[in-house]
């Protein structure tokens, strides 16, 4: 199981696998007056591997251009 913590303010999102780090970031941003959203995402290892393989396929399938060519 993989757990990721996302802390978001305005247009900035920070991602970490460390719960205490996420709490520290959120507390600091709240102290500075930002509205903060915190999301915890749990994913199975199989789901993480599936997304990684989709990303790898998309990267390998992406068209490539050579400098100077359109």
Foldseek 3Di string as FASTA:
>chain_A
DQKKKWKDFDHDIDIDSDPVVNVVVNVVVVVVPTDMDMDMDDDDPVVVVVVVVVVVVCVVPDDDDDPPGD
